[in-house]
Amino acid sequence: AQLYVSEATIKKHIQNIYQKFGAT
C-alpha cells in the first residue's frame, strides 16, 4: 500500500532480499 504496488510484487522483492542475505 505504501509503495502503490501489488502484494505479489512485494513478495518478489522479499524473495530477492532473502536470497541476497542468505535468509529463509
PDB file of all heavy atoms in Angstrom:
ATOM      1  N   ALA A   1       0.825  -1.205   0.000  1.00  0.00           N
ATOM      2  CA  ALA A   1       0.000   0.000   0.000  1.00  0.00           C
ATOM      3  C   ALA A   1       0.863   1.261   0.000  1.00  0.00           C
ATOM      4  O   ALA A   1       0.547   2.248  -0.677  1.00  0.00           O
ATOM      5  CB  ALA A   1      -0.932  -0.006   1.203  1.00  0.00           C
ATOM      6  N   GLN A   2       1.954   1.215   0.768  1.00  0.00           N
ATOM      7  CA  GLN A   2       2.837   2.375   0.845  1.00  0.00           C
ATOM      8  C   GLN A   2       3.585   2.623  -0.461  1.00  0.00           C
ATOM      9  O   GLN A   2       3.865   3.762  -0.818  1.00  0.00           O
ATOM     10  CB  GLN A   2       3.840   2.174   1.986  1.00  0.00           C
ATOM     11  CG  GLN A   2       3.212   2.212   3.380  1.00  0.00           C
ATOM     12  CD  GLN A   2       4.205   1.867   4.473  1.00  0.00           C
ATOM     13  OE1 GLN A   2       5.406   1.788   4.237  1.00  0.00           O
ATOM     14  NE2 GLN A   2       3.712   1.654   5.690  1.00  0.00           N
ATOM     15  N   LEU A   3       3.891   1.552  -1.179  1.00  0.00           N
ATOM     16  CA  LEU A   3       4.649   1.687  -2.430  1.00  0.00           C
ATOM     17  C   LEU A   3       3.746   1.687  -3.672  1.00  0.00           C
ATOM     18  O   LEU A   3       4.236   1.779  -4.795  1.00  0.00           O
ATOM     19  CB  LEU A   3       5.673   0.541  -2.541  1.00  0.00           C
ATOM     20  CG  LEU A   3       6.760   0.498  -1.458  1.00  0.00           C
ATOM     21  CD1 LEU A   3       7.702  -0.675  -1.687  1.00  0.00           C
ATOM     22  CD2 LEU A   3       7.546   1.802  -1.430  1.00  0.00           C
ATOM     23  N   TYR A   4       2.438   1.542  -3.434  1.00  0.00           N
ATOM     24  CA  TYR A   4       1.452   1.548  -4.526  1.00  0.00           C
ATOM     25  C   TYR A   4       1.748   0.436  -5.550  1.00  0.00           C
ATOM     26  O   TYR A   4       1.710   0.655  -6.765  1.00  0.00           O
ATOM     27  CB  TYR A   4       1.425   2.908  -5.230  1.00  0.00           C
ATOM     28  CG  TYR A   4       1.108   4.046  -4.297  1.00  0.00           C
ATOM     29  CD1 TYR A   4       2.109   4.880  -3.823  1.00  0.00           C
ATOM     30  CD2 TYR A   4      -0.211   4.283  -3.875  1.00  0.00           C
ATOM     31  CE1 TYR A   4       1.825   5.930  -2.961  1.00  0.00           C
ATOM     32  CE2 TYR A   4      -0.501   5.325  -3.004  1.00  0.00           C
ATOM     33  CZ  TYR A   4       0.509   6.151  -2.552  1.00  0.00           C
ATOM     34  OH  TYR A   4       0.232   7.177  -1.685  1.00  0.00           O
ATOM     35  N   VAL A   5       2.043  -0.733  -5.026  1.00  0.00           N
ATOM     36  CA  VAL A   5       2.254  -1.903  -5.895  1.00  0.00           C
ATOM     37  C   VAL A   5       1.462  -3.076  -5.326  1.00  0.00           C
ATOM     38  O   VAL A   5       0.897  -2.989  -4.228  1.00  0.00           O
ATOM     39  CB  VAL A   5       3.758  -2.283  -5.971  1.00  0.00           C
ATOM     40  CG1 VAL A   5       4.566  -1.177  -6.641  1.00  0.00           C
ATOM     41  CG2 VAL A   5       4.314  -2.581  -4.584  1.00  0.00           C
ATOM     42  N   SER A   6       1.436  -4.168  -6.050  1.00  0.00           N
ATOM     43  CA  SER A   6       0.693  -5.338  -5.588  1.00  0.00           C
ATOM     44  C   SER A   6       1.503  -6.121  -4.556  1.00  0.00           C
ATOM     45  O   SER A   6       2.735  -6.002  -4.485  1.00  0.00           O
ATOM     46  CB  SER A   6       0.364  -6.246  -6.777  1.00  0.00           C
ATOM     47  OG  SER A   6       1.560  -6.775  -7.325  1.00  0.00           O
ATOM     48  N   GLU A   7       0.806  -6.961  -3.788  1.00  0.00           N
ATOM     49  CA  GLU A   7       1.488  -7.804  -2.806  1.00  0.00           C
ATOM     50  C   GLU A   7       2.398  -8.799  -3.499  1.00  0.00           C
ATOM     51  O   GLU A   7       3.447  -9.182  -2.957  1.00  0.00           O
ATOM     52  CB  GLU A   7       0.458  -8.547  -1.953  1.00  0.00           C
ATOM     53  CG  GLU A   7      -0.203  -7.683  -0.884  1.00  0.00           C
ATOM     54  CD  GLU A   7      -1.020  -8.501   0.090  1.00  0.00           C
ATOM     55  OE1 GLU A   7      -0.456  -9.439   0.702  1.00  0.00           O
ATOM     56  OE2 GLU A   7      -2.222  -8.219   0.237  1.00  0.00           O
ATOM     57  N   ALA A   8       2.007  -9.229  -4.695  1.00  0.00           N
ATOM     58  CA  ALA A   8       2.833 -10.176  -5.453  1.00  0.00           C
ATOM     59  C   ALA A   8       4.201  -9.566  -5.772  1.00  0.00           C
ATOM     60  O   ALA A   8       5.241 -10.233  -5.687  1.00  0.00           O
ATOM     61  CB  ALA A   8       2.124 -10.577  -6.739  1.00  0.00           C
ATOM     62  N   THR A   9       4.201  -8.274  -6.093  1.00  0.00           N
ATOM     63  CA  THR A   9       5.463  -7.583  -6.379  1.00  0.00           C
ATOM     64  C   THR A   9       6.320  -7.493  -5.126  1.00  0.00           C
ATOM     65  O   THR A   9       7.543  -7.685  -5.177  1.00  0.00           O
ATOM     66  CB  THR A   9       5.174  -6.163  -6.919  1.00  0.00           C
ATOM     67  OG1 THR A   9       4.376  -6.247  -8.101  1.00  0.00           O
ATOM     68  CG2 THR A   9       6.471  -5.437  -7.234  1.00  0.00           C
ATOM     69  N   ILE A  10       5.672  -7.202  -4.018  1.00  0.00           N
ATOM     70  CA  ILE A  10       6.387  -7.116  -2.742  1.00  0.00           C
ATOM     71  C   ILE A  10       6.989  -8.473  -2.384  1.00  0.00           C
ATOM     72  O   ILE A  10       8.145  -8.554  -1.932  1.00  0.00           O
ATOM     73  CB  ILE A  10       5.452  -6.631  -1.616  1.00  0.00           C
ATOM     74  CG1 ILE A  10       4.989  -5.197  -1.888  1.00  0.00           C
ATOM     75  CG2 ILE A  10       6.144  -6.728  -0.264  1.00  0.00           C
ATOM     76  CD1 ILE A  10       6.120  -4.193  -1.980  1.00  0.00           C
ATOM     77  N   LYS A  11       6.228  -9.542  -2.596  1.00  0.00           N
ATOM     78  CA  LYS A  11       6.736 -10.886  -2.300  1.00  0.00           C
ATOM     79  C   LYS A  11       7.957 -11.216  -3.151  1.00  0.00           C
ATOM     80  O   LYS A  11       8.894 -11.868  -2.683  1.00  0.00           O
ATOM     81  CB  LYS A  11       5.638 -11.926  -2.530  1.00  0.00           C
ATOM     82  CG  LYS A  11       4.535 -11.893  -1.483  1.00  0.00           C
ATOM     83  CD  LYS A  11       3.478 -12.959  -1.760  1.00  0.00           C
ATOM     84  CE  LYS A  11       2.371 -12.902  -0.707  1.00  0.00           C
ATOM     85  NZ  LYS A  11       1.314 -13.923  -0.984  1.00  0.00           N
ATOM     86  N   LYS A  12       7.940 -10.738  -4.410  1.00  0.00           N
ATOM     87  CA  LYS A  12       9.070 -10.965  -5.296  1.00  0.00           C
ATOM     88  C   LYS A  12      10.308 -10.222  -4.780  1.00  0.00           C
ATOM     89  O   LYS A  12      11.420 -10.776  -4.757  1.00  0.00           O
ATOM     90  CB  LYS A  12       8.714 -10.481  -6.713  1.00  0.00           C
ATOM     91  CG  LYS A  12       9.819 -10.687  -7.735  1.00  0.00           C
ATOM     92  CD  LYS A  12      10.142 -12.175  -7.918  1.00  0.00           C
ATOM     93  CE  LYS A  12      11.200 -12.388  -8.988  1.00  0.00           C
ATOM     94  NZ  LYS A  12      11.587 -13.802  -9.134  1.00  0.00           N
ATOM     95  N   HIS A  13      10.103  -8.974  -4.342  1.00  0.00           N
ATOM     96  CA  HIS A  13      11.207  -8.207  -3.756  1.00  0.00           C
ATOM     97  C   HIS A  13      11.761  -8.902  -2.511  1.00  0.00           C
ATOM     98  O   HIS A  13      12.985  -8.979  -2.313  1.00  0.00           O
ATOM     99  CB  HIS A  13      10.745  -6.798  -3.383  1.00  0.00           C
ATOM    100  CG  HIS A  13      10.539  -5.898  -4.561  1.00  0.00           C
ATOM    101  ND1 HIS A  13      11.443  -5.800  -5.592  1.00  0.00           N
ATOM    102  CD2 HIS A  13       9.525  -5.018  -4.853  1.00  0.00           C
ATOM    103  CE1 HIS A  13      11.017  -4.920  -6.487  1.00  0.00           C
ATOM    104  NE2 HIS A  13       9.835  -4.431  -6.054  1.00  0.00           N
ATOM    105  N   ILE A  14      10.858  -9.412  -1.687  1.00  0.00           N
ATOM    106  CA  ILE A  14      11.268 -10.076  -0.448  1.00  0.00           C
ATOM    107  C   ILE A  14      12.082 -11.330  -0.737  1.00  0.00           C
ATOM    108  O   ILE A  14      13.090 -11.609  -0.088  1.00  0.00           O
ATOM    109  CB  ILE A  14      10.035 -10.412   0.422  1.00  0.00           C
ATOM    110  CG1 ILE A  14       9.400  -9.115   0.949  1.00  0.00           C
ATOM    111  CG2 ILE A  14      10.426 -11.313   1.590  1.00  0.00           C
ATOM    112  CD1 ILE A  14       8.114  -9.324   1.719  1.00  0.00           C
ATOM    113  N   GLN A  15      11.652 -12.085  -1.749  1.00  0.00           N
ATOM    114  CA  GLN A  15      12.398 -13.284  -2.148  1.00  0.00           C
ATOM    115  C   GLN A  15      13.813 -12.923  -2.578  1.00  0.00           C
ATOM    116  O   GLN A  15      14.780 -13.614  -2.231  1.00  0.00           O
ATOM    117  CB  GLN A  15      11.666 -14.002  -3.284  1.00  0.00           C
ATOM    118  CG  GLN A  15      10.386 -14.698  -2.843  1.00  0.00           C
ATOM    119  CD  GLN A  15       9.635 -15.329  -4.010  1.00  0.00           C
ATOM    120  OE1 GLN A  15      10.063 -15.223  -5.164  1.00  0.00           O
ATOM    121  NE2 GLN A  15       8.511 -15.964  -3.709  1.00  0.00           N
ATOM    122  N   ASN A  16      13.951 -11.830  -3.314  1.00  0.00           N
ATOM    123  CA  ASN A  16      15.267 -11.379  -3.754  1.00  0.00           C
ATOM    124  C   ASN A  16      16.140 -10.956  -2.565  1.00  0.00           C
ATOM    125  O   ASN A  16      17.342 -11.231  -2.522  1.00  0.00           O
ATOM    126  CB  ASN A  16      15.123 -10.198  -4.731  1.00  0.00           C
ATOM    127  CG  ASN A  16      14.507 -10.620  -6.058  1.00  0.00           C
ATOM    128  OD1 ASN A  16      14.565 -11.795  -6.442  1.00  0.00           O
ATOM    129  ND2 ASN A  16      13.896  -9.671  -6.760  1.00  0.00           N
ATOM    130  N   ILE A  17      15.487 -10.283  -1.607  1.00  0.00           N
ATOM    131  CA  ILE A  17      16.212  -9.830  -0.406  1.00  0.00           C
ATOM    132  C   ILE A  17      16.715 -11.031   0.393  1.00  0.00           C
ATOM    133  O   ILE A  17      17.877 -11.082   0.802  1.00  0.00           O
ATOM    134  CB  ILE A  17      15.302  -8.944   0.464  1.00  0.00           C
ATOM    135  CG1 ILE A  17      14.994  -7.626  -0.253  1.00  0.00           C
ATOM    136  CG2 ILE A  17      15.959  -8.660   1.821  1.00  0.00           C
ATOM    137  CD1 ILE A  17      13.900  -6.803   0.408  1.00  0.00           C
ATOM    138  N   TYR A  18      15.822 -12.027   0.591  1.00  0.00           N
ATOM    139  CA  TYR A  18      16.202 -13.221   1.337  1.00  0.00           C
ATOM    140  C   TYR A  18      17.360 -13.946   0.647  1.00  0.00           C
ATOM    141  O   TYR A  18      18.289 -14.425   1.290  1.00  0.00           O
ATOM    142  CB  TYR A  18      15.016 -14.169   1.466  1.00  0.00           C
ATOM    143  CG  TYR A  18      13.931 -13.701   2.419  1.00  0.00           C
ATOM    144  CD1 TYR A  18      12.682 -14.324   2.448  1.00  0.00           C
ATOM    145  CD2 TYR A  18      14.148 -12.632   3.286  1.00  0.00           C
ATOM    146  CE1 TYR A  18      11.694 -13.911   3.308  1.00  0.00           C
ATOM    147  CE2 TYR A  18      13.156 -12.210   4.148  1.00  0.00           C
ATOM    148  CZ  TYR A  18      11.929 -12.850   4.156  1.00  0.00           C
ATOM    149  OH  TYR A  18      10.947 -12.431   5.020  1.00  0.00           O
ATOM    150  N   GLN A  19      17.275 -13.997  -0.665  1.00  0.00           N
ATOM    151  CA  GLN A  19      18.308 -14.694  -1.440  1.00  0.00           C
ATOM    152  C   GLN A  19      19.667 -13.999  -1.282  1.00  0.00           C
ATOM    153  O   GLN A  19      20.699 -14.658  -1.104  1.00  0.00           O
ATOM    154  CB  GLN A  19      17.909 -14.753  -2.913  1.00  0.00           C
ATOM    155  CG  GLN A  19      18.886 -15.550  -3.775  1.00  0.00           C
ATOM    156  CD  GLN A  19      18.420 -15.643  -5.222  1.00  0.00           C
ATOM    157  OE1 GLN A  19      17.431 -15.022  -5.606  1.00  0.00           O
ATOM    158  NE2 GLN A  19      19.127 -16.418  -6.026  1.00  0.00           N
ATOM    159  N   LYS A  20      19.668 -12.684  -1.343  1.00  0.00           N
ATOM    160  CA  LYS A  20      20.925 -11.934  -1.226  1.00  0.00           C
ATOM    161  C   LYS A  20      21.500 -11.985   0.194  1.00  0.00           C
ATOM    162  O   LYS A  20      22.723 -11.952   0.378  1.00  0.00           O
ATOM    163  CB  LYS A  20      20.691 -10.482  -1.650  1.00  0.00           C
ATOM    164  CG  LYS A  20      20.411 -10.328  -3.148  1.00  0.00           C
ATOM    165  CD  LYS A  20      20.110  -8.892  -3.528  1.00  0.00           C
ATOM    166  CE  LYS A  20      19.838  -8.769  -5.026  1.00  0.00           C
ATOM    167  NZ  LYS A  20      19.529  -7.386  -5.450  1.00  0.00           N
ATOM    168  N   PHE A  21      20.625 -12.067   1.182  1.00  0.00           N
ATOM    169  CA  PHE A  21      21.084 -12.143   2.579  1.00  0.00           C
ATOM    170  C   PHE A  21      21.337 -13.582   3.034  1.00  0.00           C
ATOM    171  O   PHE A  21      21.880 -13.803   4.114  1.00  0.00           O
ATOM    172  CB  PHE A  21      20.051 -11.491   3.511  1.00  0.00           C
ATOM    173  CG  PHE A  21      20.291 -10.028   3.755  1.00  0.00           C
ATOM    174  CD1 PHE A  21      19.848  -9.082   2.836  1.00  0.00           C
ATOM    175  CD2 PHE A  21      20.957  -9.592   4.884  1.00  0.00           C
ATOM    176  CE1 PHE A  21      20.058  -7.735   3.047  1.00  0.00           C
ATOM    177  CE2 PHE A  21      21.167  -8.240   5.102  1.00  0.00           C
ATOM    178  CZ  PHE A  21      20.724  -7.307   4.186  1.00  0.00           C
ATOM    179  N   GLY A  22      20.904 -14.533   2.224  1.00  0.00           N
ATOM    180  CA  GLY A  22      21.051 -15.930   2.620  1.00  0.00           C
ATOM    181  C   GLY A  22      20.085 -16.311   3.715  1.00  0.00           C
ATOM    182  O   GLY A  22      20.372 -17.168   4.564  1.00  0.00           O
ATOM    183  N   ALA A  23      18.907 -15.663   3.711  1.00  0.00           N
ATOM    184  CA  ALA A  23      17.883 -15.913   4.722  1.00  0.00           C
ATOM    185  C   ALA A  23      16.747 -16.747   4.155  1.00  0.00           C
ATOM    186  O   ALA A  23      16.595 -16.877   2.934  1.00  0.00           O
ATOM    187  CB  ALA A  23      17.353 -14.585   5.263  1.00  0.00           C
ATOM    188  N   THR A  24      15.945 -17.311   5.050  1.00  0.00           N
ATOM    189  CA  THR A  24      14.810 -18.131   4.615  1.00  0.00           C
ATOM    190  C   THR A  24      13.471 -17.505   4.993  1.00  0.00           C
ATOM    191  O   THR A  24      12.447 -17.825   4.394  1.00  0.00           O
ATOM    192  CB  THR A  24      14.893 -19.532   5.250  1.00  0.00           C
ATOM    193  OG1 THR A  24      14.979 -19.409   6.681  1.00  0.00           O
ATOM    194  CG2 THR A  24      16.116 -20.282   4.736  1.00  0.00           C
TER     195      THR A  24
END
